Amino acid sequence: MKWPILRAFPSFSPRYLRPFIRICAQRSALTTGKKLHAMVLTTGLSTTENSFLLNTLLHLYASCGDISSAQKLFDEIPHSSKDAADWTSLMSSFSRQNRPHDSLLLFAQMLEKGAEIDDVAMVCLFSACAWLRDVGVGSQGHGRVVKMGFERRVKVCNALMDMYGKSGMVEEMRSVFSEMKEKNVVSWTVVLDGVLKWEGVSNGREVFDDMPHRNEVAWTIMIVGYVGNGFSKEGFLLLSQIVFHLGIKLNYITLCSLLSACAQSGDVAMGRWVHVYGLKMMGMEMDIMVETALLDMYAKCGRIDTAVKVFKCMPRRNVVSWNALLSGLAMHGRGQLVINMFPRMIKEVLPDDLTFIAILIACSHSGMIDQGSYYFNSLQSVYGITPKIDHYACMVDLLGRAGRLEEAETLINKMPIPPNEVVLGSLLGSCNSHGKLQLAERLLQKLILMNPCNTEYHTLLSNMYALAGKPDKANALRKVLKTKGISKVPGMSSIHVDGQLHQFSAGDKSHPKTREIYIMLEDMIQRLQSAGYVPNLSAQVFPGDDAGVELEKEQALFSHSEKLAVCFGLLSTKPGKPLYIFKNIRICRDCHAAIKIVSKIYDREIIVRDRNRFHCFKQGSCSCSDFW
């Protein structure tokens, strides 16, 4: 304390101290608040009846994010001295610290203890349910809202709609909205966000146009919805309206949201516009969050060298910036560079658990087993980080890709936590690569119990049966999916040309230039076959085994979405210009082999981002070195 205690608090009365503690909470002055806490303890004021000093200190720690201290004080306060504000203060802090389960448990304790449930408690409940997508508990909360007459509380209804929207229950969200007597801009924005996510940009635009008032958040959500779904021109039109006509300056949150949408859709043109705008508005010293989002956007759009340049120009870097760079390099298969940069990182910042996930992914995609094993084994002993399930999943993937499936299975059996779908799914993928059919069958049974609706595992095992010469079992597995009414996620390939997104599915004939694309495809296949390309029919499952079926298999392979996107790119861009293609699932082996040859025949660099990583095809080879 910079002032003498006796002069500042001559009577040591709680009513003198409480306002100071509240000011510390408002200004997040935790250090000063702790000194006041120490004085409360040493003077014995905490034991004064009805002083409510511990309650005020609880709010201080909760608002400053010191959960452990807040919880300790909460437990020390007698139940008779707690009010609804004490309960909701801790619940809100749990929500801010991404601990929704703890928030729900605390709400259950409120009910058990007979504590007063107010509108703030209901908002905290719905926030936790929204995070967990827990519609069951959320619906029960909805019933309590009606029972307690909170339907007229705008904040409660907004939180309720947000829970339904984030959980995909759009009808319920719309129902709550239509029954609201009073709506504010937040109410409209919550509905806009939910409709955009689950009903698409067309319905979202109707909500946007109906809004009586729009704030920057609403504009951002609509623009991000357009950009994230590939409607770049519509996104640019709205951006020009908000920036040039309305004169609204985009803040760092809006810029980061836009860059995230660009990273998702692969729209580097919009990303570059945001980059230029950021430089004009903020100068060379941009906000560190915007710079990190820029780095991430360039990496995920296939421009990893530009991402590295952005990183090098950053005047200051934190662990998030470093993690974004290492993750980007890992996706592009530059594992050795990740390992080389790590010693530089630890001189600047302290690595966290996400850092090592990036390192393990880099080692996995580059076949660096010894380095990956070293960092995994060093997590606890050297860096003091307890391995999480994501680290185990990376390690299983690393061993599995290298063909060391027995070691991977042993690691799973020794895990201190039960394996999840990601861990077992990684091993199943390795079984497919290395032909371990019996292990794959065992894994599928476990995975079906975890997620019976995931078609990828059934498809993977079905392909393995086909490769093993067991077409009956392959067809039977696919019939199981059909009987259950579960559809396979269709493979889609996208390419940006002249600011417009073009999407293709297998055998697609909906594009305006379909005729030219298929003429190009026929010519490309002929040139590929002249160069030695042989279609990989082994994983194609069709009934029958005569020549007609073989021809049908070939035609199905030739019209895969990746090949159609490549043909359109070759038609629509200048010779020598790189092609950037984005695939929503893993690139198939046949397309991988074909595009390698295409890159040489047409002298094009072709960069494909699939669900797992980037493949940079150049002069007949791929950056993954066929280790994927």
Foldseek 3Di string as FASTA:
>chain_A
DPDDPCVQCVPPALVSLLVVLLVCQVVLVVVVNVVSVVVCVVVVVVVDPPSCPLLSSLLSCLSNLVLVSNVVSVVVDDPVNDAPCSLLSNLVSCLVVVNLVVSVVSLVVCVVVVHDDDLSNLLSNLSSLLSVLPVPVLVVSVVVCVVVVVLAPASNLLSSLLSCLSNLNLVVSVVSLVPHPDYDQSSLQSNLLSCCVRVNLVVSVVSVVPDPDHDPSSLLSNLLSCLLVFNQVVSVVSVCCVCPVVVDQDDLVSLLSNLVSCLNNLPVVSLVVSVVSQCVVPNLAGDQSNLLSSLLSCLSSPNLVVSVVSLVSHPAHEQSSLLSNLLSCLQQLVLVVLVVCVVVVVVRYQHALSSLLSNLSSCQLNLVLVVNVVCLVCQCVPRNYDDDLSSLLSNLLSCLLVVNLVVNVVSQVPDPDHHALSNLVSSLVSCLVVLVLVSLVVSVVVNCVRPVQACPSLLSSLLSCLLVVNLVVSVVSVVVCVVVVRDHDWKKKWFDAPSGIDIDTQVDQPDPCSVQLVVLLVVLVVVLVVVPQDADQSSPHDPDDDPVVVVVSVSRVSRGNVSSQVSVVVVRDDQAEATEMEIAADDDPRVVQSVLVVCQVRVYFYWYRYNRHIWTRHNNATSSNPSD
